[in-house]
Amino acid sequence: MIQETMSKIRDAEDQAEQIVKDSEAECRKILEDARRRASEMIQQASAKGKEQALKTRKNTEAETEKEVMAFLSDAETELQELRQNAYGKEKEAVKMVVSLLV
């Protein structure tokens, strides 16, 4: 009877030890999975951030180019107006010089 009780105690201890080992293995597996998932999430967030930054950069470059083209167009228009104004004043200046010489 004592041997039977001792055998049951040993069996219970062995089962408890196995449960602890299984729990530790499961814990390691859960931690490894969590680390892997965290690493994947970081990589995805980084890739998404880089993609968003590239999109923003392209959009900004496109907007800047539009603004530069609009500025150049306005500048060209203003330059032509100044040329016309200068040409008209040149005629007036020539007439005034000729009238002063005569």
C-alpha atoms as a PDB file:
ATOM      1  CA  MET A   1       0.000   0.000   0.000  1.00  0.00           C
ATOM      2  CA  ILE A   2       2.838   2.379   0.820  1.00  0.00           C
ATOM      3  CA  GLN A   3       4.514   1.424  -2.424  1.00  0.00           C
ATOM      4  CA  GLU A   4       1.305   2.151  -4.305  1.00  0.00           C
ATOM      5  CA  THR A   5       1.004   5.576  -2.622  1.00  0.00           C
ATOM      6  CA  MET A   6       4.671   6.332  -3.327  1.00  0.00           C
ATOM      7  CA  SER A   7       4.150   5.299  -6.947  1.00  0.00           C
ATOM      8  CA  LYS A   8       1.140   7.610  -7.253  1.00  0.00           C
ATOM      9  CA  ILE A   9       3.149  10.468  -5.724  1.00  0.00           C
ATOM     10  CA  ARG A  10       6.006   9.882  -8.174  1.00  0.00           C
ATOM     11  CA  ASP A  11       3.530   9.748 -11.059  1.00  0.00           C
ATOM     12  CA  ALA A  12       1.930  12.984  -9.869  1.00  0.00           C
ATOM     13  CA  GLU A  13       5.365  14.628  -9.564  1.00  0.00           C
ATOM     14  CA  ASP A  14       6.320  13.411 -13.040  1.00  0.00           C
ATOM     15  CA  GLN A  15       3.060  14.762 -14.444  1.00  0.00           C
ATOM     16  CA  ALA A  16       3.590  18.090 -12.675  1.00  0.00           C
ATOM     17  CA  GLU A  17       7.147  18.288 -14.015  1.00  0.00           C
ATOM     18  CA  GLN A  18       5.901  17.527 -17.516  1.00  0.00           C
ATOM     19  CA  ILE A  19       3.189  20.179 -17.190  1.00  0.00           C
ATOM     20  CA  VAL A  20       5.842  22.734 -16.146  1.00  0.00           C
ATOM     21  CA  LYS A  21       8.081  21.755 -19.094  1.00  0.00           C
ATOM     22  CA  ASP A  22       5.149  21.959 -21.519  1.00  0.00           C
ATOM     23  CA  SER A  23       4.130  25.329 -20.106  1.00  0.00           C
ATOM     24  CA  GLU A  24       7.664  26.691 -20.454  1.00  0.00           C
ATOM     25  CA  ALA A  25       7.842  25.438 -24.042  1.00  0.00           C
ATOM     26  CA  GLU A  26       4.463  27.024 -24.818  1.00  0.00           C
ATOM     27  CA  CYS A  27       5.615  30.269 -23.202  1.00  0.00           C
ATOM     28  CA  ARG A  28       8.775  30.316 -25.360  1.00  0.00           C
ATOM     29  CA  LYS A  29       6.685  29.647 -28.461  1.00  0.00           C
ATOM     30  CA  ILE A  30       4.261  32.470 -27.607  1.00  0.00           C
ATOM     31  CA  LEU A  31       7.167  34.882 -27.011  1.00  0.00           C
ATOM     32  CA  GLU A  32       8.833  33.904 -30.297  1.00  0.00           C
ATOM     33  CA  ASP A  33       5.551  34.415 -32.159  1.00  0.00           C
ATOM     34  CA  ALA A  34       5.033  37.782 -30.473  1.00  0.00           C
ATOM     35  CA  ARG A  35       8.575  38.912 -31.389  1.00  0.00           C
ATOM     36  CA  ARG A  36       8.110  37.747 -34.978  1.00  0.00           C
ATOM     37  CA  ARG A  37       4.758  39.533 -35.267  1.00  0.00           C
ATOM     38  CA  ALA A  38       6.189  42.697 -33.735  1.00  0.00           C
ATOM     39  CA  SER A  39       9.090  42.604 -36.188  1.00  0.00           C
ATOM     40  CA  GLU A  40       6.686  42.121 -39.120  1.00  0.00           C
ATOM     41  CA  MET A  41       4.506  44.989 -37.902  1.00  0.00           C
ATOM     42  CA  ILE A  42       7.540  47.269 -37.611  1.00  0.00           C
ATOM     43  CA  GLN A  43       8.683  46.341 -41.123  1.00  0.00           C
ATOM     44  CA  GLN A  44       5.197  46.917 -42.534  1.00  0.00           C
ATOM     45  CA  ALA A  45       4.884  50.262 -40.774  1.00  0.00           C
ATOM     46  CA  SER A  46       8.311  51.288 -42.031  1.00  0.00           C
ATOM     47  CA  ALA A  47       7.488  50.278 -45.604  1.00  0.00           C
ATOM     48  CA  LYS A  48       4.147  52.062 -45.408  1.00  0.00           C
ATOM     49  CA  GLY A  49       5.826  55.176 -44.011  1.00  0.00           C
ATOM     50  CA  LYS A  50       8.421  55.168 -46.793  1.00  0.00           C
ATOM     51  CA  GLU A  51       5.701  54.700 -49.397  1.00  0.00           C
ATOM     52  CA  GLN A  52       3.675  57.563 -47.941  1.00  0.00           C
ATOM     53  CA  ALA A  53       6.762  59.788 -47.814  1.00  0.00           C
ATOM     54  CA  LEU A  54       7.509  59.025 -51.471  1.00  0.00           C
ATOM     55  CA  LYS A  55       3.911  59.825 -52.448  1.00  0.00           C
ATOM     56  CA  THR A  56       4.032  63.077 -50.517  1.00  0.00           C
ATOM     57  CA  ARG A  57       7.358  63.975 -52.126  1.00  0.00           C
ATOM     58  CA  LYS A  58       6.016  63.292 -55.628  1.00  0.00           C
ATOM     59  CA  ASN A  59       2.871  65.303 -54.941  1.00  0.00           C
ATOM     60  CA  THR A  60       4.933  68.172 -53.559  1.00  0.00           C
ATOM     61  CA  GLU A  61       7.241  68.105 -56.564  1.00  0.00           C
ATOM     62  CA  ALA A  62       4.251  68.149 -58.931  1.00  0.00           C
ATOM     63  CA  GLU A  63       2.657  71.070 -57.072  1.00  0.00           C
ATOM     64  CA  THR A  64       5.952  72.951 -57.028  1.00  0.00           C
ATOM     65  CA  GLU A  65       6.391  72.406 -60.751  1.00  0.00           C
ATOM     66  CA  LYS A  66       2.871  73.738 -61.395  1.00  0.00           C
ATOM     67  CA  GLU A  67       3.593  76.812 -59.285  1.00  0.00           C
ATOM     68  CA  VAL A  68       6.916  77.418 -61.060  1.00  0.00           C
ATOM     69  CA  MET A  69       5.245  77.098 -64.468  1.00  0.00           C
ATOM     70  CA  ALA A  70       2.501  79.527 -63.412  1.00  0.00           C
ATOM     71  CA  PHE A  71       5.128  81.963 -62.116  1.00  0.00           C
ATOM     72  CA  LEU A  72       7.131  81.713 -65.360  1.00  0.00           C
ATOM     73  CA  SER A  73       3.989  82.281 -67.402  1.00  0.00           C
ATOM     74  CA  ASP A  74       3.124  85.371 -65.347  1.00  0.00           C
ATOM     75  CA  ALA A  75       6.696  86.608 -65.619  1.00  0.00           C
ATOM     76  CA  GLU A  76       6.667  86.153 -69.404  1.00  0.00           C
ATOM     77  CA  THR A  77       3.400  88.083 -69.672  1.00  0.00           C
ATOM     78  CA  GLU A  78       4.776  90.896 -67.522  1.00  0.00           C
ATOM     79  CA  LEU A  79       8.005  90.954 -69.522  1.00  0.00           C
ATOM     80  CA  GLN A  80       6.091  91.315 -72.777  1.00  0.00           C
ATOM     81  CA  GLU A  81       4.045  94.158 -71.296  1.00  0.00           C
ATOM     82  CA  LEU A  82       7.256  95.885 -70.179  1.00  0.00           C
ATOM     83  CA  ARG A  83       8.768  95.419 -73.654  1.00  0.00           C
ATOM     84  CA  GLN A  84       5.696  96.926 -75.295  1.00  0.00           C
ATOM     85  CA  ASN A  85       5.720  99.806 -72.848  1.00  0.00           C
ATOM     86  CA  ALA A  86       9.443 100.361 -73.427  1.00  0.00           C
ATOM     87  CA  TYR A  87       8.988 100.242 -77.211  1.00  0.00           C
ATOM     88  CA  GLY A  88       6.245 102.881 -76.985  1.00  0.00           C
ATOM     89  CA  LYS A  89       8.437 105.078 -74.778  1.00  0.00           C
ATOM     90  CA  GLU A  90      11.372 104.619 -77.145  1.00  0.00           C
ATOM     91  CA  LYS A  91       9.320 106.093 -79.992  1.00  0.00           C
ATOM     92  CA  GLU A  92       8.355 109.020 -77.771  1.00  0.00           C
ATOM     93  CA  ALA A  93      11.983 109.552 -76.750  1.00  0.00           C
ATOM     94  CA  VAL A  94      13.178 109.522 -80.369  1.00  0.00           C
ATOM     95  CA  LYS A  95      10.485 112.062 -81.324  1.00  0.00           C
ATOM     96  CA  MET A  96      11.487 114.308 -78.389  1.00  0.00           C
ATOM     97  CA  VAL A  97      15.202 114.132 -79.267  1.00  0.00           C
ATOM     98  CA  VAL A  98      14.459 114.870 -82.936  1.00  0.00           C
ATOM     99  CA  SER A  99      12.218 117.792 -81.981  1.00  0.00           C
ATOM    100  CA  LEU A 100      14.925 119.176 -79.710  1.00  0.00           C
ATOM    101  CA  LEU A 101      17.518 118.893 -82.464  1.00  0.00           C
ATOM    102  CA  VAL A 102      15.380 120.634 -85.032  1.00  0.00           C
END
